[in-house]
Amino acid sequence: MKKIIKEYLIIILGAASIAFSINCLAIPNNLGEGGVPGLSAMGVYLFNIPASISNLVLNTIIITVGYRYFSKSLILKTCLVVLISTLFLNFMAPIHLTVTYPILASILAGSFMGGGIALVYLGNATSASGSMIAKILEMKFKLKKSYGLLISDLSVIIPSSIFLGVDRTLLTIISVYVSSKVLYFIIESDSLVDLRTILEQ
């Protein structure tokens, strides 16, 4: 029971970090993102659709498609992550942290995004979006999660560059790169204490 509670606490913290990255850092500073967060940001910029709505609808589609690849337990946890992140996105919508230096906003957004996704992974779930695609790539091609996430993110960033412009696209790529490195540092680096040992205590 302790392990389950710790897992869900980590998942909630991860979902909050992802929502904070999108709503409080990326969108207020006109940055893009990869995966569903990137599409949600574009929905805000182009059609004024709340990020929470895009997040819920698009991730529901991805979960439906990915249902056959994962266990029921993982799917249920992923649904929980999507619901929690949607609630946090809605709650954090009024919070806008405009950073003076765009490069700093890019680094911060990437750090919170990568850290949030890593925490969700450590809670034995996915955040749907690119992370579910990354897990499929890992299962089929033995590709590291951080690289799979980078690939899925770039597939959204490149088309969105038409609307973001060159400077914001480059800042978005920096953000995604930082995100992948933070993700790697937390879940794949041998130099860190594995957080799963904490869950098992």
N, C-alpha and C. Protein backbone atom coordinates (compact mmCIF):
# COMPACT_ATOMS: atom_id res chain seq x y z
N MET A 1 0.83 -1.21 0.00
CA MET A 1 0.00 0.00 0.00
C MET A 1 0.86 1.26 0.00
N LYS A 2 1.98 1.21 0.79
CA LYS A 2 2.89 2.36 0.82
C LYS A 2 3.47 2.63 -0.55
N LYS A 3 3.85 1.54 -1.23
CA LYS A 3 4.43 1.68 -2.57
C LYS A 3 3.43 2.31 -3.53
N ILE A 4 2.17 1.88 -3.46
CA ILE A 4 1.14 2.41 -4.34
C ILE A 4 0.92 3.90 -4.09
N ILE A 5 0.86 4.27 -2.80
CA ILE A 5 0.65 5.67 -2.44
C ILE A 5 1.80 6.54 -2.95
N LYS A 6 3.04 6.05 -2.78
CA LYS A 6 4.21 6.80 -3.23
C LYS A 6 4.21 6.93 -4.75
N GLU A 7 3.82 5.87 -5.43
CA GLU A 7 3.76 5.92 -6.89
C GLU A 7 2.79 7.01 -7.35
N TYR A 8 1.61 7.04 -6.74
CA TYR A 8 0.60 8.00 -7.16
C TYR A 8 1.00 9.43 -6.79
N LEU A 9 1.69 9.60 -5.67
CA LEU A 9 2.17 10.93 -5.30
C LEU A 9 3.20 11.43 -6.31
N ILE A 10 4.07 10.53 -6.75
CA ILE A 10 5.07 10.89 -7.75
C ILE A 10 4.39 11.22 -9.08
N ILE A 11 3.38 10.45 -9.44
CA ILE A 11 2.64 10.70 -10.68
C ILE A 11 1.96 12.07 -10.63
N ILE A 12 1.33 12.40 -9.52
CA ILE A 12 0.65 13.70 -9.37
C ILE A 12 1.66 14.84 -9.48
N LEU A 13 2.82 14.69 -8.82
CA LEU A 13 3.86 15.71 -8.88
C LEU A 13 4.36 15.88 -10.32
N GLY A 14 4.53 14.75 -11.02
CA GLY A 14 4.98 14.80 -12.41
C GLY A 14 3.96 15.50 -13.30
N ALA A 15 2.68 15.18 -13.13
CA ALA A 15 1.62 15.81 -13.93
C ALA A 15 1.57 17.32 -13.67
N ALA A 16 1.76 17.72 -12.42
CA ALA A 16 1.77 19.14 -12.08
C ALA A 16 2.94 19.86 -12.74
N SER A 17 4.10 19.19 -12.76
CA SER A 17 5.29 19.78 -13.39
C SER A 17 5.09 19.97 -14.89
N ILE A 18 4.47 19.00 -15.54
CA ILE A 18 4.19 19.09 -16.97
C ILE A 18 3.24 20.26 -17.26
N ALA A 19 2.17 20.36 -16.46
CA ALA A 19 1.20 21.45 -16.64
C ALA A 19 1.85 22.80 -16.40
N PHE A 20 2.72 22.88 -15.40
CA PHE A 20 3.41 24.14 -15.10
C PHE A 20 4.29 24.56 -16.27
N SER A 21 4.98 23.59 -16.86
CA SER A 21 5.85 23.88 -18.01
C SER A 21 5.05 24.46 -19.17
N ILE A 22 3.90 23.86 -19.45
CA ILE A 22 3.10 24.29 -20.60
C ILE A 22 2.43 25.64 -20.35
N ASN A 23 1.64 25.72 -19.28
CA ASN A 23 0.78 26.88 -19.07
C ASN A 23 1.50 28.09 -18.48
N CYS A 24 2.49 27.85 -17.65
CA CYS A 24 3.12 28.95 -16.93
C CYS A 24 4.43 29.43 -17.54
N LEU A 25 5.05 28.59 -18.39
CA LEU A 25 6.34 28.97 -18.98
C LEU A 25 6.31 29.01 -20.51
N ALA A 26 5.90 27.91 -21.13
CA ALA A 26 5.95 27.84 -22.60
C ALA A 26 4.98 28.82 -23.26
N ILE A 27 3.70 28.72 -22.94
CA ILE A 27 2.69 29.54 -23.60
C ILE A 27 2.86 31.04 -23.32
N PRO A 28 3.08 31.47 -22.06
CA PRO A 28 3.26 32.91 -21.82
C PRO A 28 4.46 33.51 -22.54
N ASN A 29 5.45 32.67 -22.85
CA ASN A 29 6.64 33.17 -23.53
C ASN A 29 6.67 32.81 -25.02
N ASN A 30 5.49 32.43 -25.54
CA ASN A 30 5.31 32.14 -26.97
C ASN A 30 6.27 31.07 -27.49
N LEU A 31 6.45 30.03 -26.68
CA LEU A 31 7.29 28.90 -27.07
C LEU A 31 6.41 27.75 -27.54
N GLY A 32 6.97 26.90 -28.35
CA GLY A 32 6.29 25.68 -28.73
C GLY A 32 6.68 24.55 -27.81
N GLU A 33 6.19 23.38 -28.10
CA GLU A 33 6.54 22.17 -27.36
C GLU A 33 6.42 21.00 -28.32
N GLY A 34 6.82 19.84 -27.86
CA GLY A 34 6.65 18.65 -28.66
C GLY A 34 5.39 17.90 -28.25
N GLY A 35 4.97 16.97 -29.07
CA GLY A 35 3.84 16.12 -28.73
C GLY A 35 2.55 16.90 -28.52
N VAL A 36 1.70 16.37 -27.65
CA VAL A 36 0.43 17.01 -27.35
C VAL A 36 0.61 18.40 -26.73
N PRO A 37 1.59 18.61 -25.83
CA PRO A 37 1.79 19.97 -25.32
C PRO A 37 2.03 20.99 -26.43
N GLY A 38 2.79 20.58 -27.46
CA GLY A 38 3.04 21.47 -28.58
C GLY A 38 1.78 21.77 -29.36
N LEU A 39 0.98 20.74 -29.59
CA LEU A 39 -0.30 20.94 -30.29
C LEU A 39 -1.26 21.79 -29.46
N SER A 40 -1.22 21.59 -28.14
CA SER A 40 -2.06 22.39 -27.24
C SER A 40 -1.66 23.86 -27.29
N ALA A 41 -0.35 24.10 -27.31
CA ALA A 41 0.15 25.48 -27.40
C ALA A 41 -0.29 26.13 -28.71
N MET A 42 -0.19 25.38 -29.80
CA MET A 42 -0.61 25.92 -31.09
C MET A 42 -2.11 26.19 -31.11
N GLY A 43 -2.87 25.36 -30.40
CA GLY A 43 -4.31 25.58 -30.29
C GLY A 43 -4.62 26.90 -29.61
N VAL A 44 -3.80 27.23 -28.59
CA VAL A 44 -3.97 28.51 -27.89
C VAL A 44 -3.61 29.67 -28.81
N TYR A 45 -2.46 29.55 -29.48
CA TYR A 45 -1.97 30.64 -30.32
C TYR A 45 -2.89 30.92 -31.51
N LEU A 46 -3.34 29.85 -32.18
CA LEU A 46 -4.05 30.02 -33.44
C LEU A 46 -5.57 30.13 -33.28
N PHE A 47 -6.12 29.39 -32.30
CA PHE A 47 -7.59 29.32 -32.20
C PHE A 47 -8.12 29.69 -30.82
N ASN A 48 -7.20 30.06 -29.91
CA ASN A 48 -7.60 30.43 -28.54
C ASN A 48 -8.34 29.29 -27.82
N ILE A 49 -7.97 28.05 -28.14
CA ILE A 49 -8.55 26.88 -27.46
C ILE A 49 -7.75 26.64 -26.18
N PRO A 50 -8.40 26.56 -25.03
CA PRO A 50 -7.67 26.32 -23.78
C PRO A 50 -6.81 25.06 -23.85
N ALA A 51 -5.61 25.15 -23.32
CA ALA A 51 -4.68 24.01 -23.37
C ALA A 51 -5.26 22.79 -22.67
N SER A 52 -6.06 23.00 -21.63
CA SER A 52 -6.63 21.88 -20.89
C SER A 52 -7.55 21.05 -21.78
N ILE A 53 -8.32 21.70 -22.64
CA ILE A 53 -9.25 20.98 -23.52
C ILE A 53 -8.48 20.19 -24.57
N SER A 54 -7.50 20.83 -25.21
CA SER A 54 -6.68 20.14 -26.21
C SER A 54 -5.96 18.95 -25.60
N ASN A 55 -5.44 19.16 -24.39
CA ASN A 55 -4.71 18.10 -23.70
C ASN A 55 -5.60 16.88 -23.48
N LEU A 56 -6.82 17.10 -23.03
CA LEU A 56 -7.74 16.01 -22.73
C LEU A 56 -8.16 15.28 -24.00
N VAL A 57 -8.55 16.02 -25.02
CA VAL A 57 -9.06 15.42 -26.26
C VAL A 57 -7.97 14.65 -26.99
N LEU A 58 -6.81 15.28 -27.20
CA LEU A 58 -5.74 14.65 -27.98
C LEU A 58 -5.15 13.44 -27.26
N ASN A 59 -4.96 13.56 -25.94
CA ASN A 59 -4.41 12.43 -25.20
C ASN A 59 -5.39 11.26 -25.12
N THR A 60 -6.67 11.56 -25.10
CA THR A 60 -7.68 10.49 -25.12
C THR A 60 -7.57 9.69 -26.41
N ILE A 61 -7.34 10.38 -27.52
CA ILE A 61 -7.17 9.70 -28.81
C ILE A 61 -5.92 8.82 -28.79
N ILE A 62 -4.81 9.35 -28.25
CA ILE A 62 -3.56 8.59 -28.20
C ILE A 62 -3.70 7.36 -27.32
N ILE A 63 -4.36 7.50 -26.18
CA ILE A 63 -4.57 6.36 -25.28
C ILE A 63 -5.42 5.29 -25.95
N THR A 64 -6.43 5.72 -26.68
CA THR A 64 -7.29 4.77 -27.39
C THR A 64 -6.49 3.98 -28.42
N VAL A 65 -5.61 4.68 -29.15
CA VAL A 65 -4.78 4.02 -30.16
C VAL A 65 -3.77 3.09 -29.50
N GLY A 66 -3.19 3.52 -28.38
CA GLY A 66 -2.14 2.74 -27.73
C GLY A 66 -2.63 1.68 -26.77
N TYR A 67 -3.95 1.54 -26.65
CA TYR A 67 -4.53 0.61 -25.67
C TYR A 67 -4.02 -0.81 -25.83
N ARG A 68 -3.86 -1.25 -27.06
CA ARG A 68 -3.49 -2.66 -27.30
C ARG A 68 -2.03 -2.96 -27.00
N TYR A 69 -1.23 -1.91 -26.81
CA TYR A 69 0.20 -2.13 -26.59
C TYR A 69 0.56 -2.27 -25.11
N PHE A 70 -0.32 -1.83 -24.21
CA PHE A 70 0.06 -1.75 -22.80
C PHE A 70 -0.93 -2.48 -21.90
N SER A 71 -0.47 -2.73 -20.69
CA SER A 71 -1.32 -3.41 -19.71
C SER A 71 -2.45 -2.47 -19.26
N LYS A 72 -3.50 -3.08 -18.72
CA LYS A 72 -4.63 -2.28 -18.23
C LYS A 72 -4.18 -1.35 -17.10
N SER A 73 -3.25 -1.84 -16.27
CA SER A 73 -2.77 -1.04 -15.16
C SER A 73 -2.08 0.23 -15.66
N LEU A 74 -1.23 0.09 -16.68
CA LEU A 74 -0.53 1.24 -17.24
C LEU A 74 -1.51 2.21 -17.90
N ILE A 75 -2.48 1.67 -18.61
CA ILE A 75 -3.47 2.51 -19.27
C ILE A 75 -4.28 3.30 -18.24
N LEU A 76 -4.68 2.64 -17.15
CA LEU A 76 -5.44 3.32 -16.11
C LEU A 76 -4.62 4.44 -15.47
N LYS A 77 -3.34 4.15 -15.20
CA LYS A 77 -2.47 5.17 -14.61
C LYS A 77 -2.26 6.33 -15.57
N THR A 78 -2.13 6.02 -16.86
CA THR A 78 -1.95 7.06 -17.86
C THR A 78 -3.20 7.94 -17.96
N CYS A 79 -4.37 7.30 -17.88
CA CYS A 79 -5.62 8.07 -17.86
C CYS A 79 -5.65 9.02 -16.66
N LEU A 80 -5.15 8.52 -15.53
CA LEU A 80 -5.09 9.36 -14.33
C LEU A 80 -4.17 10.54 -14.55
N VAL A 81 -3.00 10.29 -15.16
CA VAL A 81 -2.05 11.37 -15.45
C VAL A 81 -2.70 12.43 -16.33
N VAL A 82 -3.41 11.99 -17.37
CA VAL A 82 -4.06 12.93 -18.29
C VAL A 82 -5.12 13.76 -17.57
N LEU A 83 -5.91 13.10 -16.74
CA LEU A 83 -6.95 13.82 -16.00
C LEU A 83 -6.34 14.83 -15.03
N ILE A 84 -5.29 14.42 -14.31
CA ILE A 84 -4.65 15.32 -13.34
C ILE A 84 -3.98 16.49 -14.05
N SER A 85 -3.26 16.19 -15.14
CA SER A 85 -2.59 17.26 -15.88
C SER A 85 -3.61 18.23 -16.48
N THR A 86 -4.76 17.70 -16.91
CA THR A 86 -5.82 18.56 -17.45
C THR A 86 -6.36 19.49 -16.36
N LEU A 87 -6.55 18.94 -15.16
CA LEU A 87 -7.02 19.76 -14.04
C LEU A 87 -5.99 20.83 -13.68
N PHE A 88 -4.72 20.45 -13.65
CA PHE A 88 -3.67 21.42 -13.33
C PHE A 88 -3.57 22.50 -14.42
N LEU A 89 -3.71 22.09 -15.69
CA LEU A 89 -3.69 23.06 -16.79
C LEU A 89 -4.81 24.08 -16.63
N ASN A 90 -5.99 23.60 -16.25
CA ASN A 90 -7.13 24.48 -16.05
C ASN A 90 -6.90 25.41 -14.85
N PHE A 91 -6.36 24.84 -13.78
CA PHE A 91 -6.11 25.61 -12.55
C PHE A 91 -5.02 26.65 -12.76
N MET A 92 -3.99 26.29 -13.53
CA MET A 92 -2.83 27.19 -13.72
C MET A 92 -3.00 28.16 -14.88
N ALA A 93 -4.11 28.08 -15.59
CA ALA A 93 -4.33 28.93 -16.77
C ALA A 93 -4.11 30.43 -16.50
N PRO A 94 -4.53 30.95 -15.33
CA PRO A 94 -4.34 32.40 -15.10
C PRO A 94 -2.88 32.77 -14.76
N ILE A 95 -2.03 31.79 -14.49
CA ILE A 95 -0.66 32.07 -14.07
C ILE A 95 0.24 32.23 -15.30
N HIS A 96 0.79 33.42 -15.47
CA HIS A 96 1.65 33.68 -16.62
C HIS A 96 3.00 34.20 -16.12
N LEU A 97 4.04 33.41 -16.29
CA LEU A 97 5.38 33.81 -15.88
C LEU A 97 6.18 34.25 -17.10
N THR A 98 6.13 35.53 -17.37
CA THR A 98 6.87 36.07 -18.50
C THR A 98 8.31 36.31 -18.08
N VAL A 99 9.23 35.62 -18.73
CA VAL A 99 10.66 35.70 -18.39
C VAL A 99 11.33 36.70 -19.32
N THR A 100 12.17 37.57 -18.71
CA THR A 100 12.83 38.63 -19.48
C THR A 100 13.70 38.08 -20.60
N TYR A 101 14.45 37.03 -20.27
CA TYR A 101 15.34 36.43 -21.26
C TYR A 101 14.69 35.16 -21.83
N PRO A 102 14.33 35.16 -23.11
CA PRO A 102 13.65 34.01 -23.71
C PRO A 102 14.41 32.70 -23.56
N ILE A 103 15.73 32.75 -23.63
CA ILE A 103 16.52 31.52 -23.50
C ILE A 103 16.34 30.90 -22.13
N LEU A 104 16.17 31.73 -21.11
CA LEU A 104 15.94 31.23 -19.75
C LEU A 104 14.56 30.58 -19.66
N ALA A 105 13.56 31.18 -20.29
CA ALA A 105 12.22 30.59 -20.31
C ALA A 105 12.26 29.23 -21.00
N SER A 106 13.05 29.14 -22.07
CA SER A 106 13.19 27.88 -22.80
C SER A 106 13.80 26.79 -21.93
N ILE A 107 14.86 27.14 -21.21
CA ILE A 107 15.54 26.17 -20.35
C ILE A 107 14.65 25.73 -19.20
N LEU A 108 13.96 26.69 -18.60
CA LEU A 108 13.07 26.36 -17.47
C LEU A 108 11.91 25.48 -17.92
N ALA A 109 11.31 25.82 -19.06
CA ALA A 109 10.19 25.03 -19.57
C ALA A 109 10.64 23.60 -19.86
N GLY A 110 11.82 23.46 -20.47
CA GLY A 110 12.35 22.13 -20.75
C GLY A 110 12.66 21.34 -19.50
N SER A 111 13.18 22.02 -18.49
CA SER A 111 13.54 21.35 -17.24
C SER A 111 12.31 20.81 -16.53
N PHE A 112 11.26 21.63 -16.44
CA PHE A 112 10.03 21.19 -15.78
C PHE A 112 9.32 20.10 -16.58
N MET A 113 9.38 20.21 -17.92
CA MET A 113 8.75 19.19 -18.75
C MET A 113 9.47 17.85 -18.61
N GLY A 114 10.79 17.87 -18.76
CA GLY A 114 11.56 16.63 -18.64
C GLY A 114 11.45 16.01 -17.27
N GLY A 115 11.51 16.87 -16.24
CA GLY A 115 11.37 16.36 -14.87
C GLY A 115 10.01 15.76 -14.61
N GLY A 116 8.97 16.41 -15.15
CA GLY A 116 7.61 15.90 -14.96
C GLY A 116 7.40 14.56 -15.63
N ILE A 117 7.87 14.45 -16.87
CA ILE A 117 7.73 13.19 -17.59
C ILE A 117 8.51 12.07 -16.90
N ALA A 118 9.70 12.40 -16.41
CA ALA A 118 10.52 11.41 -15.71
C ALA A 118 9.82 10.91 -14.45
N LEU A 119 9.20 11.80 -13.70
CA LEU A 119 8.49 11.41 -12.48
C LEU A 119 7.31 10.49 -12.81
N VAL A 120 6.62 10.83 -13.90
CA VAL A 120 5.50 9.98 -14.32
C VAL A 120 6.00 8.59 -14.69
N TYR A 121 7.12 8.51 -15.41
CA TYR A 121 7.72 7.21 -15.74
C TYR A 121 8.06 6.43 -14.47
N LEU A 122 8.65 7.12 -13.49
CA LEU A 122 9.06 6.46 -12.26
C LEU A 122 7.86 6.00 -11.43
N GLY A 123 6.70 6.58 -11.69
CA GLY A 123 5.47 6.12 -11.07
C GLY A 123 4.82 4.99 -11.86
N ASN A 124 5.60 4.43 -12.83
CA ASN A 124 5.14 3.32 -13.67
C ASN A 124 3.90 3.69 -14.48
N ALA A 125 3.93 4.90 -15.05
CA ALA A 125 2.86 5.36 -15.93
C ALA A 125 3.49 6.09 -17.11
N THR A 126 2.67 6.64 -17.98
CA THR A 126 3.15 7.54 -19.02
C THR A 126 2.24 8.76 -19.00
N SER A 127 2.69 9.83 -19.62
CA SER A 127 1.87 11.04 -19.70
C SER A 127 1.10 11.08 -21.01
N ALA A 128 0.96 9.89 -21.65
CA ALA A 128 0.37 9.79 -23.00
C ALA A 128 1.23 10.63 -23.92
N SER A 129 0.65 11.38 -24.82
CA SER A 129 1.41 12.26 -25.70
C SER A 129 2.63 11.55 -26.27
N GLY A 130 3.75 12.26 -26.33
CA GLY A 130 4.97 11.69 -26.89
C GLY A 130 5.57 10.60 -26.04
N SER A 131 5.29 10.63 -24.73
CA SER A 131 5.89 9.62 -23.85
C SER A 131 5.33 8.23 -24.12
N MET A 132 4.05 8.15 -24.50
CA MET A 132 3.47 6.86 -24.85
C MET A 132 4.05 6.37 -26.17
N ILE A 133 4.23 7.31 -27.10
CA ILE A 133 4.87 6.96 -28.37
C ILE A 133 6.30 6.51 -28.12
N ALA A 134 7.00 7.19 -27.19
CA ALA A 134 8.37 6.82 -26.86
C ALA A 134 8.44 5.42 -26.26
N LYS A 135 7.44 5.07 -25.46
CA LYS A 135 7.41 3.72 -24.88
C LYS A 135 7.20 2.66 -25.96
N ILE A 136 6.36 2.97 -26.95
CA ILE A 136 6.15 2.03 -28.05
C ILE A 136 7.44 1.85 -28.84
N LEU A 137 8.16 2.95 -29.09
CA LEU A 137 9.44 2.88 -29.79
C LEU A 137 10.46 2.07 -28.99
N GLU A 138 10.40 2.22 -27.67
CA GLU A 138 11.31 1.46 -26.81
C GLU A 138 11.00 -0.04 -26.89
N MET A 139 9.72 -0.39 -26.88
CA MET A 139 9.30 -1.79 -26.92
C MET A 139 9.66 -2.43 -28.26
N LYS A 140 9.46 -1.68 -29.35
CA LYS A 140 9.64 -2.26 -30.69
C LYS A 140 11.07 -2.18 -31.20
N PHE A 141 11.77 -1.07 -30.87
CA PHE A 141 13.08 -0.84 -31.46
C PHE A 141 14.20 -0.69 -30.43
N LYS A 142 13.88 -0.91 -29.13
CA LYS A 142 14.88 -0.80 -28.06
C LYS A 142 15.50 0.59 -28.01
N LEU A 143 14.74 1.59 -28.39
CA LEU A 143 15.22 2.96 -28.39
C LEU A 143 15.03 3.57 -27.01
N LYS A 144 16.04 4.25 -26.50
CA LYS A 144 15.94 4.86 -25.18
C LYS A 144 14.77 5.84 -25.13
N LYS A 145 14.12 5.93 -23.96
CA LYS A 145 12.94 6.79 -23.82
C LYS A 145 13.25 8.23 -24.20
N SER A 146 14.42 8.72 -23.77
CA SER A 146 14.75 10.12 -24.03
C SER A 146 14.87 10.39 -25.53
N TYR A 147 15.42 9.44 -26.30
CA TYR A 147 15.55 9.62 -27.74
C TYR A 147 14.20 9.47 -28.44
N GLY A 148 13.41 8.53 -27.97
CA GLY A 148 12.07 8.35 -28.54
C GLY A 148 11.21 9.59 -28.34
N LEU A 149 11.35 10.19 -27.16
CA LEU A 149 10.59 11.40 -26.86
C LEU A 149 11.06 12.56 -27.75
N LEU A 150 12.37 12.62 -27.97
CA LEU A 150 12.92 13.68 -28.81
C LEU A 150 12.39 13.56 -30.25
N ILE A 151 12.32 12.34 -30.76
CA ILE A 151 11.82 12.11 -32.12
C ILE A 151 10.35 12.53 -32.23
N SER A 152 9.54 12.10 -31.28
CA SER A 152 8.11 12.44 -31.33
C SER A 152 7.89 13.94 -31.17
N ASP A 153 8.74 14.59 -30.36
CA ASP A 153 8.62 16.04 -30.17
C ASP A 153 8.95 16.80 -31.45
N LEU A 154 10.03 16.40 -32.10
CA LEU A 154 10.45 17.11 -33.31
C LEU A 154 9.41 16.97 -34.43
N SER A 155 8.66 15.87 -34.41
CA SER A 155 7.64 15.67 -35.45
C SER A 155 6.51 16.68 -35.32
N VAL A 156 6.39 17.30 -34.14
CA VAL A 156 5.39 18.37 -33.95
C VAL A 156 6.04 19.74 -34.12
N ILE A 157 7.26 19.88 -33.64
CA ILE A 157 7.93 21.18 -33.65
C ILE A 157 8.22 21.66 -35.08
N ILE A 158 8.68 20.76 -35.92
CA ILE A 158 9.05 21.16 -37.28
C ILE A 158 7.87 21.77 -38.05
N PRO A 159 6.69 21.11 -38.07
CA PRO A 159 5.54 21.76 -38.76
C PRO A 159 5.10 23.06 -38.08
N SER A 160 5.17 23.11 -36.74
CA SER A 160 4.71 24.31 -36.04
C SER A 160 5.65 25.49 -36.23
N SER A 161 6.86 25.23 -36.76
CA SER A 161 7.81 26.32 -36.99
C SER A 161 7.27 27.34 -37.99
N ILE A 162 6.34 26.92 -38.83
CA ILE A 162 5.72 27.82 -39.81
C ILE A 162 5.02 28.97 -39.10
N PHE A 163 4.42 28.67 -37.94
CA PHE A 163 3.66 29.68 -37.20
C PHE A 163 4.50 30.36 -36.11
N LEU A 164 5.49 29.64 -35.57
CA LEU A 164 6.29 30.19 -34.48
C LEU A 164 7.35 31.18 -34.95
N GLY A 165 7.88 30.97 -36.15
CA GLY A 165 8.98 31.78 -36.62
C GLY A 165 10.31 31.14 -36.23
N VAL A 166 11.38 31.63 -36.83
CA VAL A 166 12.69 31.00 -36.65
C VAL A 166 13.19 31.10 -35.21
N ASP A 167 13.11 32.29 -34.61
CA ASP A 167 13.69 32.47 -33.28
C ASP A 167 12.97 31.62 -32.23
N ARG A 168 11.64 31.61 -32.24
CA ARG A 168 10.88 30.84 -31.25
C ARG A 168 11.01 29.34 -31.51
N THR A 169 11.18 28.96 -32.75
CA THR A 169 11.39 27.54 -33.05
C THR A 169 12.72 27.06 -32.50
N LEU A 170 13.76 27.87 -32.66
CA LEU A 170 15.07 27.51 -32.11
C LEU A 170 15.03 27.43 -30.59
N LEU A 171 14.31 28.35 -29.97
CA LEU A 171 14.16 28.30 -28.51
C LEU A 171 13.38 27.06 -28.08
N THR A 172 12.39 26.68 -28.88
CA THR A 172 11.61 25.48 -28.59
C THR A 172 12.48 24.23 -28.70
N ILE A 173 13.34 24.19 -29.71
CA ILE A 173 14.25 23.04 -29.87
C ILE A 173 15.19 22.94 -28.67
N ILE A 174 15.67 24.10 -28.19
CA ILE A 174 16.51 24.11 -26.99
C ILE A 174 15.74 23.55 -25.81
N SER A 175 14.48 23.97 -25.68
CA SER A 175 13.63 23.49 -24.58
C SER A 175 13.45 21.98 -24.63
N VAL A 176 13.18 21.45 -25.82
CA VAL A 176 12.99 20.01 -25.98
C VAL A 176 14.29 19.25 -25.71
N TYR A 177 15.40 19.82 -26.14
CA TYR A 177 16.71 19.20 -25.88
C TYR A 177 16.98 19.13 -24.38
N VAL A 178 16.71 20.25 -23.68
CA VAL A 178 16.89 20.27 -22.22
C VAL A 178 15.97 19.25 -21.57
N SER A 179 14.74 19.17 -22.06
CA SER A 179 13.78 18.21 -21.53
C SER A 179 14.29 16.77 -21.65
N SER A 180 14.84 16.43 -22.82
CA SER A 180 15.34 15.07 -23.03
C SER A 180 16.54 14.78 -22.14
N LYS A 181 17.38 15.79 -21.89
CA LYS A 181 18.55 15.59 -21.04
C LYS A 181 18.16 15.43 -19.57
N VAL A 182 17.18 16.22 -19.14
CA VAL A 182 16.69 16.08 -17.76
C VAL A 182 16.04 14.72 -17.57
N LEU A 183 15.27 14.30 -18.56
CA LEU A 183 14.65 12.97 -18.52
C LEU A 183 15.70 11.88 -18.41
N TYR A 184 16.73 11.98 -19.24
CA TYR A 184 17.82 10.99 -19.21
C TYR A 184 18.51 11.00 -17.85
N PHE A 185 18.79 12.21 -17.35
CA PHE A 185 19.51 12.34 -16.09
C PHE A 185 18.76 11.69 -14.93
N ILE A 186 17.44 11.80 -14.95
CA ILE A 186 16.64 11.28 -13.84
C ILE A 186 16.41 9.78 -13.94
N ILE A 187 16.08 9.27 -15.13
CA ILE A 187 15.65 7.87 -15.20
C ILE A 187 16.68 6.91 -15.81
N GLU A 188 17.73 7.43 -16.46
CA GLU A 188 18.64 6.53 -17.15
C GLU A 188 20.10 6.65 -16.72
N SER A 189 20.42 7.65 -15.94
CA SER A 189 21.80 7.84 -15.53
C SER A 189 22.15 6.93 -14.36
N ASP A 190 23.24 6.18 -14.48
CA ASP A 190 23.68 5.27 -13.42
C ASP A 190 24.26 6.03 -12.23
N SER A 191 24.54 7.30 -12.42
CA SER A 191 25.16 8.08 -11.34
C SER A 191 24.15 8.51 -10.29
N LEU A 192 22.85 8.31 -10.57
CA LEU A 192 21.82 8.72 -9.62
C LEU A 192 21.28 7.52 -8.85
N VAL A 193 20.76 7.80 -7.68
CA VAL A 193 20.06 6.77 -6.92
C VAL A 193 18.71 6.54 -7.57
N ASP A 194 18.41 5.29 -7.90
CA ASP A 194 17.15 4.97 -8.57
C ASP A 194 15.99 5.25 -7.63
N LEU A 195 15.06 6.11 -8.09
CA LEU A 195 13.93 6.45 -7.24
C LEU A 195 13.01 5.26 -6.99
N ARG A 196 13.14 4.22 -7.80
CA ARG A 196 12.30 3.05 -7.55
C ARG A 196 12.65 2.38 -6.22
N THR A 197 13.91 2.53 -5.78
CA THR A 197 14.28 1.95 -4.48
C THR A 197 13.53 2.67 -3.36
N ILE A 198 13.23 3.95 -3.58
CA ILE A 198 12.46 4.70 -2.58
C ILE A 198 11.03 4.18 -2.55
N LEU A 199 10.48 3.89 -3.72
CA LEU A 199 9.11 3.39 -3.80
C LEU A 199 8.95 2.05 -3.09
N GLU A 200 10.01 1.24 -3.11
CA GLU A 200 9.93 -0.10 -2.56
C GLU A 200 10.12 -0.14 -1.05
N GLN A 201 10.50 0.98 -0.47
CA GLN A 201 10.72 1.00 0.98
C GLN A 201 9.41 1.08 1.74
